[in-house]
N, C-alpha and C. Protein backbone atom coordinates (compact mmCIF):
# COMPACT_ATOMS: atom_id res chain seq x y z
N ARG A 1 0.11 -42.22 33.32
CA ARG A 1 -0.21 -42.99 32.13
C ARG A 1 -1.52 -42.48 31.56
N THR A 2 -1.75 -42.79 30.28
CA THR A 2 -3.01 -42.44 29.62
C THR A 2 -3.75 -43.74 29.30
N ALA A 3 -5.01 -43.78 29.71
CA ALA A 3 -5.84 -44.95 29.44
C ALA A 3 -6.32 -44.91 27.99
N ASP A 4 -6.51 -46.09 27.39
CA ASP A 4 -7.03 -46.16 26.02
C ASP A 4 -8.54 -45.97 26.02
N LYS A 5 -9.17 -46.17 24.88
CA LYS A 5 -10.61 -45.93 24.76
C LYS A 5 -11.45 -46.90 25.59
N TYR A 6 -10.85 -48.00 26.04
CA TYR A 6 -11.55 -48.96 26.88
C TYR A 6 -11.25 -48.78 28.36
N GLY A 7 -10.39 -47.84 28.69
CA GLY A 7 -10.01 -47.62 30.08
C GLY A 7 -8.87 -48.51 30.53
N LEU A 8 -8.11 -49.08 29.59
CA LEU A 8 -6.97 -49.94 29.91
C LEU A 8 -5.68 -49.13 29.92
N VAL A 9 -4.82 -49.39 30.89
CA VAL A 9 -3.55 -48.70 31.03
C VAL A 9 -2.43 -49.71 30.81
N ASP A 10 -1.48 -49.38 29.92
CA ASP A 10 -0.37 -50.27 29.60
C ASP A 10 0.77 -50.06 30.59
N ILE A 11 1.16 -51.13 31.29
CA ILE A 11 2.26 -51.10 32.24
C ILE A 11 3.09 -52.36 32.03
N ASP A 12 4.33 -52.19 31.62
CA ASP A 12 5.24 -53.32 31.39
C ASP A 12 4.63 -54.37 30.45
N SER A 13 4.02 -53.95 29.38
CA SER A 13 3.41 -54.81 28.36
C SER A 13 2.19 -55.57 28.85
N ASN A 14 1.69 -55.25 30.03
CA ASN A 14 0.43 -55.80 30.52
C ASN A 14 -0.56 -54.65 30.58
N ARG A 15 -1.83 -54.98 30.37
CA ARG A 15 -2.86 -53.93 30.35
C ARG A 15 -3.77 -54.10 31.56
N TYR A 16 -3.87 -53.03 32.36
CA TYR A 16 -4.66 -53.03 33.58
C TYR A 16 -5.89 -52.15 33.36
N LEU A 17 -7.06 -52.66 33.75
CA LEU A 17 -8.29 -51.93 33.54
C LEU A 17 -8.51 -50.92 34.66
N ALA A 18 -8.59 -49.65 34.28
CA ALA A 18 -8.92 -48.60 35.24
C ALA A 18 -10.42 -48.38 35.29
N GLY A 19 -11.11 -48.75 34.23
CA GLY A 19 -12.56 -48.62 34.17
C GLY A 19 -13.00 -47.71 33.05
N PRO A 20 -14.24 -47.86 32.63
CA PRO A 20 -14.72 -47.08 31.49
C PRO A 20 -14.78 -45.58 31.76
N ASP A 21 -14.90 -45.17 33.03
CA ASP A 21 -14.94 -43.74 33.35
C ASP A 21 -13.61 -43.05 33.09
N SER A 22 -12.54 -43.82 33.03
CA SER A 22 -11.21 -43.23 32.83
C SER A 22 -10.72 -43.34 31.39
N ALA A 23 -11.59 -43.74 30.48
CA ALA A 23 -11.20 -43.90 29.07
C ALA A 23 -10.64 -42.60 28.51
N ARG A 24 -9.51 -42.73 27.82
CA ARG A 24 -8.83 -41.61 27.16
C ARG A 24 -8.48 -40.47 28.11
N SER A 25 -8.17 -40.79 29.34
CA SER A 25 -7.78 -39.75 30.29
C SER A 25 -6.51 -40.17 31.03
N ARG A 26 -5.92 -39.21 31.71
CA ARG A 26 -4.70 -39.48 32.47
C ARG A 26 -5.05 -40.25 33.74
N VAL A 27 -4.23 -41.23 34.07
CA VAL A 27 -4.43 -42.06 35.25
C VAL A 27 -3.11 -42.12 36.00
N LEU A 28 -3.17 -41.95 37.30
CA LEU A 28 -1.98 -42.07 38.14
C LEU A 28 -1.82 -43.55 38.50
N ALA A 29 -0.69 -44.14 38.14
CA ALA A 29 -0.45 -45.56 38.39
C ALA A 29 0.64 -45.72 39.44
N ALA A 30 0.28 -46.33 40.56
CA ALA A 30 1.25 -46.65 41.60
C ALA A 30 1.62 -48.12 41.41
N ILE A 31 2.86 -48.35 40.95
CA ILE A 31 3.30 -49.70 40.62
C ILE A 31 4.18 -50.22 41.74
N ARG A 32 3.72 -51.26 42.40
CA ARG A 32 4.47 -51.88 43.49
C ARG A 32 4.82 -53.30 43.08
N TRP A 33 5.60 -53.98 43.90
CA TRP A 33 6.02 -55.34 43.54
C TRP A 33 4.85 -56.30 43.47
N ASP A 34 3.76 -56.04 44.24
CA ASP A 34 2.65 -56.98 44.28
C ASP A 34 1.32 -56.41 43.77
N THR A 35 1.23 -55.09 43.64
CA THR A 35 -0.03 -54.48 43.20
C THR A 35 0.22 -53.34 42.22
N VAL A 36 -0.82 -53.04 41.47
CA VAL A 36 -0.87 -51.84 40.62
C VAL A 36 -2.15 -51.11 41.02
N THR A 37 -2.00 -49.89 41.51
CA THR A 37 -3.14 -49.09 41.94
C THR A 37 -3.33 -47.95 40.95
N LEU A 38 -4.54 -47.81 40.44
CA LEU A 38 -4.86 -46.79 39.45
C LEU A 38 -5.83 -45.79 40.06
N THR A 39 -5.43 -44.50 40.07
CA THR A 39 -6.24 -43.45 40.66
C THR A 39 -6.34 -42.25 39.74
N SER A 40 -7.26 -41.37 40.06
CA SER A 40 -7.40 -40.12 39.32
C SER A 40 -6.36 -39.14 39.82
N PRO A 41 -5.55 -38.55 38.93
CA PRO A 41 -4.56 -37.58 39.39
C PRO A 41 -5.20 -36.30 39.91
N ALA A 42 -6.38 -35.97 39.43
CA ALA A 42 -7.04 -34.73 39.85
C ALA A 42 -7.70 -34.86 41.22
N THR A 43 -8.43 -35.95 41.45
CA THR A 43 -9.21 -36.08 42.68
C THR A 43 -8.65 -37.10 43.65
N GLY A 44 -7.78 -37.99 43.19
CA GLY A 44 -7.27 -39.05 44.04
C GLY A 44 -8.23 -40.22 44.17
N GLU A 45 -9.33 -40.19 43.42
CA GLU A 45 -10.31 -41.26 43.47
C GLU A 45 -9.68 -42.57 42.99
N LEU A 46 -9.90 -43.64 43.75
CA LEU A 46 -9.37 -44.95 43.40
C LEU A 46 -10.22 -45.55 42.29
N PHE A 47 -9.58 -45.82 41.14
CA PHE A 47 -10.28 -46.48 40.04
C PHE A 47 -10.24 -47.99 40.24
N ALA A 48 -9.04 -48.52 40.51
CA ALA A 48 -8.90 -49.98 40.64
C ALA A 48 -7.57 -50.30 41.29
N GLU A 49 -7.53 -51.48 41.91
CA GLU A 49 -6.28 -52.02 42.42
C GLU A 49 -6.22 -53.47 41.97
N HIS A 50 -5.14 -53.82 41.28
CA HIS A 50 -4.98 -55.15 40.70
C HIS A 50 -3.71 -55.80 41.23
N PRO A 51 -3.67 -57.14 41.28
CA PRO A 51 -2.41 -57.81 41.57
C PRO A 51 -1.44 -57.56 40.42
N ARG A 52 -0.20 -57.34 40.75
CA ARG A 52 0.81 -57.06 39.72
C ARG A 52 1.07 -58.33 38.92
N GLN A 53 1.09 -58.20 37.62
CA GLN A 53 1.36 -59.32 36.73
C GLN A 53 2.78 -59.23 36.20
N TYR A 54 3.46 -60.34 36.23
CA TYR A 54 4.78 -60.42 35.62
C TYR A 54 4.66 -61.31 34.40
N GLY A 55 5.43 -61.03 33.41
CA GLY A 55 5.27 -61.71 32.13
C GLY A 55 4.79 -60.69 31.13
N ARG A 56 4.33 -61.14 30.02
CA ARG A 56 3.97 -60.21 28.95
C ARG A 56 2.58 -60.45 28.39
N SER A 57 2.02 -59.36 27.94
CA SER A 57 0.78 -59.33 27.14
C SER A 57 -0.41 -59.98 27.81
N ARG A 58 -0.74 -59.52 29.00
CA ARG A 58 -1.95 -59.97 29.67
C ARG A 58 -2.85 -58.77 29.92
N ASN A 59 -4.15 -59.01 29.84
CA ASN A 59 -5.11 -58.01 30.26
C ASN A 59 -5.53 -58.35 31.68
N VAL A 60 -5.43 -57.39 32.59
CA VAL A 60 -5.81 -57.60 33.97
C VAL A 60 -7.07 -56.77 34.20
N GLU A 61 -8.18 -57.48 34.38
CA GLU A 61 -9.46 -56.80 34.49
C GLU A 61 -10.21 -57.28 35.72
N ASP A 62 -10.79 -56.34 36.41
CA ASP A 62 -11.66 -56.63 37.54
C ASP A 62 -13.08 -56.77 36.98
N PRO A 63 -13.76 -57.89 37.23
CA PRO A 63 -15.11 -58.05 36.68
C PRO A 63 -16.06 -56.92 37.06
N ALA A 64 -15.88 -56.35 38.24
CA ALA A 64 -16.75 -55.25 38.66
C ALA A 64 -16.59 -54.03 37.76
N LEU A 65 -15.43 -53.87 37.14
CA LEU A 65 -15.21 -52.75 36.23
C LEU A 65 -15.64 -53.07 34.81
N VAL A 66 -15.64 -54.34 34.46
CA VAL A 66 -16.01 -54.75 33.10
C VAL A 66 -17.53 -54.77 32.92
N LEU A 67 -18.27 -55.16 33.95
CA LEU A 67 -19.72 -55.32 33.82
C LEU A 67 -20.46 -54.04 33.42
N PRO A 68 -20.12 -52.87 33.95
CA PRO A 68 -20.81 -51.67 33.46
C PRO A 68 -20.57 -51.42 31.97
N ARG A 69 -19.39 -51.75 31.50
CA ARG A 69 -19.08 -51.59 30.08
C ARG A 69 -19.93 -52.56 29.25
N LEU A 70 -20.12 -53.78 29.78
CA LEU A 70 -20.95 -54.76 29.08
C LEU A 70 -22.42 -54.38 29.10
N ALA A 71 -22.86 -53.71 30.16
CA ALA A 71 -24.26 -53.28 30.23
C ALA A 71 -24.58 -52.28 29.13
N VAL A 72 -23.59 -51.50 28.73
CA VAL A 72 -23.79 -50.53 27.65
C VAL A 72 -23.86 -51.25 26.31
N LYS A 73 -23.04 -52.31 26.15
CA LYS A 73 -23.02 -53.09 24.91
C LYS A 73 -23.23 -54.56 25.24
N PRO A 74 -24.47 -54.96 25.53
CA PRO A 74 -24.73 -56.32 25.98
C PRO A 74 -24.40 -57.41 24.96
N ARG A 75 -24.33 -57.06 23.68
CA ARG A 75 -23.98 -58.08 22.69
C ARG A 75 -22.55 -58.56 22.85
N ALA A 76 -21.73 -57.78 23.53
CA ALA A 76 -20.34 -58.16 23.77
C ALA A 76 -20.21 -59.20 24.88
N TRP A 77 -21.30 -59.50 25.57
CA TRP A 77 -21.26 -60.45 26.68
C TRP A 77 -20.66 -61.79 26.28
N ARG A 78 -21.08 -62.35 25.15
CA ARG A 78 -20.64 -63.69 24.75
C ARG A 78 -19.13 -63.76 24.47
N GLU A 79 -18.50 -62.64 24.13
CA GLU A 79 -17.06 -62.64 23.84
C GLU A 79 -16.25 -61.97 24.94
N SER A 80 -16.89 -61.63 26.05
CA SER A 80 -16.18 -60.88 27.09
C SER A 80 -15.14 -61.74 27.81
N SER A 81 -14.14 -61.07 28.32
CA SER A 81 -13.05 -61.77 29.01
C SER A 81 -13.47 -62.31 30.37
N ILE A 82 -14.53 -61.75 30.96
CA ILE A 82 -14.95 -62.22 32.29
C ILE A 82 -16.02 -63.30 32.23
N ARG A 83 -16.55 -63.58 31.06
CA ARG A 83 -17.61 -64.58 30.92
C ARG A 83 -17.23 -65.92 31.56
N PRO A 84 -15.99 -66.42 31.38
CA PRO A 84 -15.63 -67.69 32.04
C PRO A 84 -15.58 -67.61 33.57
N ASP A 85 -15.44 -66.40 34.12
CA ASP A 85 -15.40 -66.23 35.58
C ASP A 85 -16.77 -66.35 36.23
N VAL A 86 -17.82 -66.21 35.44
CA VAL A 86 -19.19 -66.27 35.94
C VAL A 86 -19.59 -67.73 36.10
N PRO A 87 -20.19 -68.10 37.24
CA PRO A 87 -20.61 -69.49 37.44
C PRO A 87 -21.51 -69.99 36.30
N ASP A 88 -21.43 -71.29 36.05
CA ASP A 88 -22.12 -71.91 34.91
C ASP A 88 -23.61 -71.62 34.85
N ASP A 89 -24.31 -71.75 36.00
CA ASP A 89 -25.77 -71.55 35.98
C ASP A 89 -26.14 -70.10 35.66
N ILE A 90 -25.38 -69.16 36.19
CA ILE A 90 -25.65 -67.74 35.93
C ILE A 90 -25.28 -67.40 34.49
N ARG A 91 -24.17 -67.94 34.00
CA ARG A 91 -23.75 -67.71 32.62
C ARG A 91 -24.80 -68.23 31.65
N ALA A 92 -25.31 -69.43 31.90
CA ALA A 92 -26.33 -70.02 31.02
C ALA A 92 -27.61 -69.17 31.04
N TRP A 93 -27.97 -68.68 32.22
CA TRP A 93 -29.16 -67.84 32.32
C TRP A 93 -28.97 -66.54 31.55
N LEU A 94 -27.80 -65.91 31.71
CA LEU A 94 -27.52 -64.67 30.97
C LEU A 94 -27.49 -64.91 29.47
N ASP A 95 -26.94 -66.04 29.06
CA ASP A 95 -26.89 -66.37 27.63
C ASP A 95 -28.28 -66.51 27.02
N SER A 96 -29.26 -66.91 27.82
CA SER A 96 -30.60 -67.14 27.28
C SER A 96 -31.47 -65.89 27.25
N MET A 97 -30.98 -64.78 27.78
CA MET A 97 -31.78 -63.56 27.89
C MET A 97 -31.82 -62.76 26.59
N ASP A 98 -32.91 -62.02 26.42
CA ASP A 98 -32.98 -61.08 25.30
C ASP A 98 -32.10 -59.87 25.65
N GLU A 99 -31.84 -59.03 24.67
CA GLU A 99 -30.88 -57.94 24.85
C GLU A 99 -31.27 -56.98 25.97
N LYS A 100 -32.55 -56.65 26.09
CA LYS A 100 -33.00 -55.70 27.12
C LYS A 100 -32.80 -56.27 28.52
N THR A 101 -33.23 -57.51 28.73
CA THR A 101 -33.07 -58.15 30.03
C THR A 101 -31.60 -58.35 30.36
N LEU A 102 -30.81 -58.71 29.36
CA LEU A 102 -29.38 -58.88 29.56
C LEU A 102 -28.73 -57.57 29.99
N ARG A 103 -29.10 -56.48 29.32
CA ARG A 103 -28.56 -55.16 29.67
C ARG A 103 -28.89 -54.82 31.13
N GLU A 104 -30.16 -54.99 31.51
CA GLU A 104 -30.59 -54.67 32.88
C GLU A 104 -29.89 -55.58 33.89
N SER A 105 -29.76 -56.85 33.56
CA SER A 105 -29.12 -57.79 34.49
C SER A 105 -27.64 -57.50 34.66
N LEU A 106 -26.95 -57.22 33.57
CA LEU A 106 -25.52 -56.89 33.67
C LEU A 106 -25.30 -55.61 34.46
N LYS A 107 -26.19 -54.64 34.28
CA LYS A 107 -26.08 -53.40 35.06
C LYS A 107 -26.29 -53.69 36.54
N ALA A 108 -27.29 -54.51 36.86
CA ALA A 108 -27.56 -54.87 38.25
C ALA A 108 -26.38 -55.63 38.87
N ILE A 109 -25.81 -56.56 38.12
CA ILE A 109 -24.65 -57.31 38.62
C ILE A 109 -23.47 -56.36 38.82
N GLY A 110 -23.26 -55.43 37.89
CA GLY A 110 -22.19 -54.45 38.03
C GLY A 110 -22.36 -53.59 39.28
N ASP A 111 -23.59 -53.14 39.55
CA ASP A 111 -23.87 -52.36 40.75
C ASP A 111 -23.58 -53.18 42.01
N ALA A 112 -24.00 -54.44 42.01
CA ALA A 112 -23.76 -55.31 43.16
C ALA A 112 -22.26 -55.58 43.34
N CYS A 113 -21.53 -55.74 42.24
CA CYS A 113 -20.08 -55.95 42.31
C CYS A 113 -19.38 -54.74 42.91
N ARG A 114 -19.77 -53.55 42.48
CA ARG A 114 -19.16 -52.33 43.03
C ARG A 114 -19.42 -52.20 44.52
N ALA A 115 -20.62 -52.59 44.95
CA ALA A 115 -20.99 -52.45 46.35
C ALA A 115 -20.39 -53.53 47.23
N ALA A 116 -20.40 -54.78 46.76
CA ALA A 116 -20.04 -55.90 47.64
C ALA A 116 -18.86 -56.74 47.15
N GLY A 117 -18.50 -56.63 45.88
CA GLY A 117 -17.44 -57.47 45.32
C GLY A 117 -18.03 -58.53 44.40
N PHE A 118 -17.16 -59.11 43.59
CA PHE A 118 -17.61 -60.05 42.56
C PHE A 118 -18.19 -61.33 43.15
N ASP A 119 -17.48 -61.97 44.08
CA ASP A 119 -17.94 -63.25 44.62
C ASP A 119 -19.29 -63.15 45.34
N PRO A 120 -19.48 -62.17 46.25
CA PRO A 120 -20.81 -62.05 46.87
C PRO A 120 -21.91 -61.74 45.85
N ALA A 121 -21.58 -60.96 44.83
CA ALA A 121 -22.58 -60.65 43.80
C ALA A 121 -22.98 -61.92 43.05
N MET A 122 -22.02 -62.78 42.74
CA MET A 122 -22.33 -64.03 42.05
C MET A 122 -23.15 -64.96 42.95
N GLN A 123 -22.83 -64.99 44.25
CA GLN A 123 -23.62 -65.81 45.17
C GLN A 123 -25.05 -65.30 45.25
N ALA A 124 -25.22 -63.98 45.28
CA ALA A 124 -26.55 -63.39 45.34
C ALA A 124 -27.33 -63.69 44.05
N CYS A 125 -26.66 -63.62 42.91
CA CYS A 125 -27.30 -63.97 41.63
C CYS A 125 -27.80 -65.40 41.68
N GLY A 126 -26.96 -66.29 42.18
CA GLY A 126 -27.34 -67.70 42.28
C GLY A 126 -28.56 -67.90 43.15
N GLU A 127 -28.62 -67.21 44.29
CA GLU A 127 -29.77 -67.33 45.19
C GLU A 127 -31.05 -66.83 44.51
N ILE A 128 -30.96 -65.68 43.87
CA ILE A 128 -32.15 -65.12 43.22
C ILE A 128 -32.62 -66.02 42.08
N LEU A 129 -31.69 -66.50 41.28
CA LEU A 129 -32.08 -67.34 40.14
C LEU A 129 -32.61 -68.70 40.59
N ARG A 130 -32.11 -69.23 41.72
CA ARG A 130 -32.64 -70.49 42.24
C ARG A 130 -34.08 -70.33 42.71
N SER A 131 -34.41 -69.17 43.28
CA SER A 131 -35.76 -68.99 43.80
C SER A 131 -36.76 -68.60 42.72
N ASN A 132 -36.31 -67.84 41.71
CA ASN A 132 -37.24 -67.41 40.67
C ASN A 132 -36.47 -67.03 39.42
N ARG A 133 -36.32 -67.94 38.50
CA ARG A 133 -35.56 -67.70 37.27
C ARG A 133 -36.23 -66.69 36.35
N ASP A 134 -37.55 -66.53 36.47
CA ASP A 134 -38.26 -65.62 35.58
C ASP A 134 -38.22 -64.17 36.05
N MET A 135 -37.81 -63.95 37.30
CA MET A 135 -37.85 -62.61 37.87
C MET A 135 -36.81 -61.70 37.24
N GLY A 136 -35.66 -62.22 36.89
CA GLY A 136 -34.58 -61.38 36.39
C GLY A 136 -33.75 -60.83 37.54
N LEU A 137 -32.72 -60.11 37.20
CA LEU A 137 -31.83 -59.54 38.21
C LEU A 137 -32.00 -58.04 38.22
N HIS A 138 -32.27 -57.49 39.38
CA HIS A 138 -32.47 -56.05 39.54
C HIS A 138 -31.61 -55.57 40.70
N ALA A 139 -31.02 -54.40 40.55
CA ALA A 139 -30.09 -53.87 41.55
C ALA A 139 -30.76 -53.70 42.90
N ASP A 140 -32.05 -53.35 42.94
CA ASP A 140 -32.70 -53.11 44.23
C ASP A 140 -32.85 -54.38 45.05
N SER A 141 -32.83 -55.54 44.44
CA SER A 141 -32.86 -56.79 45.20
C SER A 141 -31.49 -57.45 45.26
N LEU A 142 -30.71 -57.34 44.21
CA LEU A 142 -29.42 -58.02 44.13
C LEU A 142 -28.37 -57.40 45.06
N THR A 143 -28.26 -56.09 45.07
CA THR A 143 -27.22 -55.43 45.86
C THR A 143 -27.38 -55.67 47.36
N PRO A 144 -28.58 -55.52 47.95
CA PRO A 144 -28.69 -55.80 49.39
C PRO A 144 -28.35 -57.24 49.76
N ILE A 145 -28.75 -58.18 48.92
CA ILE A 145 -28.43 -59.59 49.20
C ILE A 145 -26.93 -59.81 49.11
N ALA A 146 -26.28 -59.22 48.09
CA ALA A 146 -24.83 -59.36 47.94
C ALA A 146 -24.10 -58.74 49.14
N LEU A 147 -24.56 -57.60 49.62
CA LEU A 147 -23.93 -56.97 50.79
C LEU A 147 -24.09 -57.84 52.03
N ARG A 148 -25.26 -58.43 52.20
CA ARG A 148 -25.48 -59.30 53.36
C ARG A 148 -24.64 -60.57 53.25
N MET A 149 -24.47 -61.09 52.04
CA MET A 149 -23.62 -62.27 51.85
C MET A 149 -22.16 -61.93 52.13
N ARG A 150 -21.73 -60.76 51.68
CA ARG A 150 -20.36 -60.33 51.94
C ARG A 150 -20.10 -60.24 53.45
N ASP A 151 -21.08 -59.75 54.19
CA ASP A 151 -20.92 -59.56 55.63
C ASP A 151 -21.26 -60.80 56.44
N GLY A 152 -21.65 -61.89 55.76
CA GLY A 152 -21.96 -63.14 56.45
C GLY A 152 -23.28 -63.12 57.18
N GLU A 153 -24.19 -62.25 56.79
CA GLU A 153 -25.47 -62.12 57.47
C GLU A 153 -26.63 -62.73 56.70
N TRP A 154 -26.35 -63.46 55.64
CA TRP A 154 -27.43 -63.96 54.79
C TRP A 154 -27.64 -65.43 54.98
N GLU A 155 -28.86 -65.78 55.30
CA GLU A 155 -29.29 -67.17 55.24
C GLU A 155 -30.56 -67.16 54.42
N TYR A 156 -30.54 -67.89 53.32
CA TYR A 156 -31.71 -67.87 52.45
C TYR A 156 -32.89 -68.46 53.20
N PRO A 157 -33.99 -67.71 53.27
CA PRO A 157 -35.12 -68.18 54.06
C PRO A 157 -35.83 -69.38 53.47
N GLY A 158 -35.53 -69.73 52.22
CA GLY A 158 -36.19 -70.88 51.60
C GLY A 158 -37.63 -70.57 51.31
N GLY A 159 -38.41 -71.62 51.24
CA GLY A 159 -39.83 -71.44 50.95
C GLY A 159 -40.54 -70.75 52.10
N ILE A 160 -41.50 -69.96 51.77
CA ILE A 160 -42.27 -69.26 52.80
C ILE A 160 -43.35 -70.21 53.30
N GLU A 161 -43.45 -70.32 54.63
CA GLU A 161 -44.48 -71.19 55.21
C GLU A 161 -45.84 -70.57 54.96
N GLU A 162 -46.74 -71.39 54.52
CA GLU A 162 -48.09 -70.89 54.30
C GLU A 162 -48.81 -70.85 55.64
N PRO A 163 -49.64 -69.85 55.84
CA PRO A 163 -50.37 -69.76 57.11
C PRO A 163 -51.40 -70.87 57.22
N ASP A 164 -51.72 -71.23 58.46
CA ASP A 164 -52.73 -72.26 58.73
C ASP A 164 -54.10 -71.60 58.64
N LEU A 165 -54.85 -71.94 57.62
CA LEU A 165 -56.17 -71.34 57.41
C LEU A 165 -57.30 -72.29 57.78
N SER A 166 -56.98 -73.35 58.49
CA SER A 166 -58.00 -74.34 58.83
C SER A 166 -59.10 -73.75 59.72
N GLY A 167 -58.77 -72.78 60.56
CA GLY A 167 -59.80 -72.13 61.39
C GLY A 167 -60.84 -71.43 60.54
N TYR A 168 -60.39 -70.80 59.48
CA TYR A 168 -61.34 -70.14 58.57
C TYR A 168 -62.19 -71.18 57.84
N ASP A 169 -61.56 -72.28 57.45
CA ASP A 169 -62.31 -73.35 56.79
C ASP A 169 -63.41 -73.87 57.70
N ARG A 170 -63.08 -74.09 58.97
CA ARG A 170 -64.08 -74.58 59.93
C ARG A 170 -65.20 -73.57 60.11
N PHE A 171 -64.83 -72.28 60.17
CA PHE A 171 -65.83 -71.23 60.38
C PHE A 171 -66.79 -71.15 59.18
N ILE A 172 -66.23 -71.17 57.99
CA ILE A 172 -67.05 -70.98 56.78
C ILE A 172 -67.92 -72.21 56.51
N THR A 173 -67.35 -73.39 56.66
CA THR A 173 -68.09 -74.61 56.33
C THR A 173 -68.93 -75.12 57.51
N GLY A 174 -68.64 -74.64 58.70
CA GLY A 174 -69.40 -75.09 59.87
C GLY A 174 -69.04 -76.50 60.27
N THR A 175 -67.85 -76.98 59.94
CA THR A 175 -67.42 -78.34 60.32
C THR A 175 -66.24 -78.25 61.26
N ASP A 176 -65.96 -79.37 61.99
CA ASP A 176 -64.78 -79.41 62.84
C ASP A 176 -63.64 -80.06 62.06
N ASP A 177 -62.53 -80.35 62.73
CA ASP A 177 -61.35 -80.92 62.07
C ASP A 177 -61.64 -82.26 61.41
N GLY A 178 -62.55 -83.03 61.95
CA GLY A 178 -62.86 -84.34 61.39
C GLY A 178 -63.83 -84.27 60.23
N GLY A 179 -64.32 -83.09 59.90
CA GLY A 179 -65.24 -82.94 58.77
C GLY A 179 -66.69 -83.10 59.19
N GLU A 180 -66.94 -83.30 60.53
CA GLU A 180 -68.32 -83.46 61.00
C GLU A 180 -68.92 -82.08 61.28
N GLU A 181 -70.19 -81.95 60.97
CA GLU A 181 -70.87 -80.69 61.14
C GLU A 181 -71.07 -80.42 62.62
N ARG A 182 -70.93 -79.16 63.00
CA ARG A 182 -71.12 -78.79 64.41
C ARG A 182 -72.51 -78.32 64.68
């Protein structure tokens, strides 16, 4: 099959996303009763594997493949087909971002999705945004957290305990714990 300019391949009146890298190129489609696998005929590289859709006129898109396309054109975020799949708090945060931050955040989420999958990436986004909404989303912090969440190794450490500096206070002020001078 040949993918269109968006990387979508038409199979039985349904459109399956192979990804933006495969736009306007030949794609090998393995159509089974339960899955559609899209690969490169030249290299055998796996572009995507989707559940097979029966019925007519549906777009089947993996959010991990859509996000890099959105990072290139961040203004398309509000009308994207995957926007409803994003949890409410993350969607609201992305909606409030300026174009540059939105572009960087969508790219970071796309990188995390490719590495760990959509659900762990969304969980990692939620953790980062809960701890610091002003920080933004960056691949160097988001991807490792998403991978650890995927593997079940992540427990959010919560607030960092502040060190006990009372010994320094006593030393500098010359008082004991009760406030009396020594």
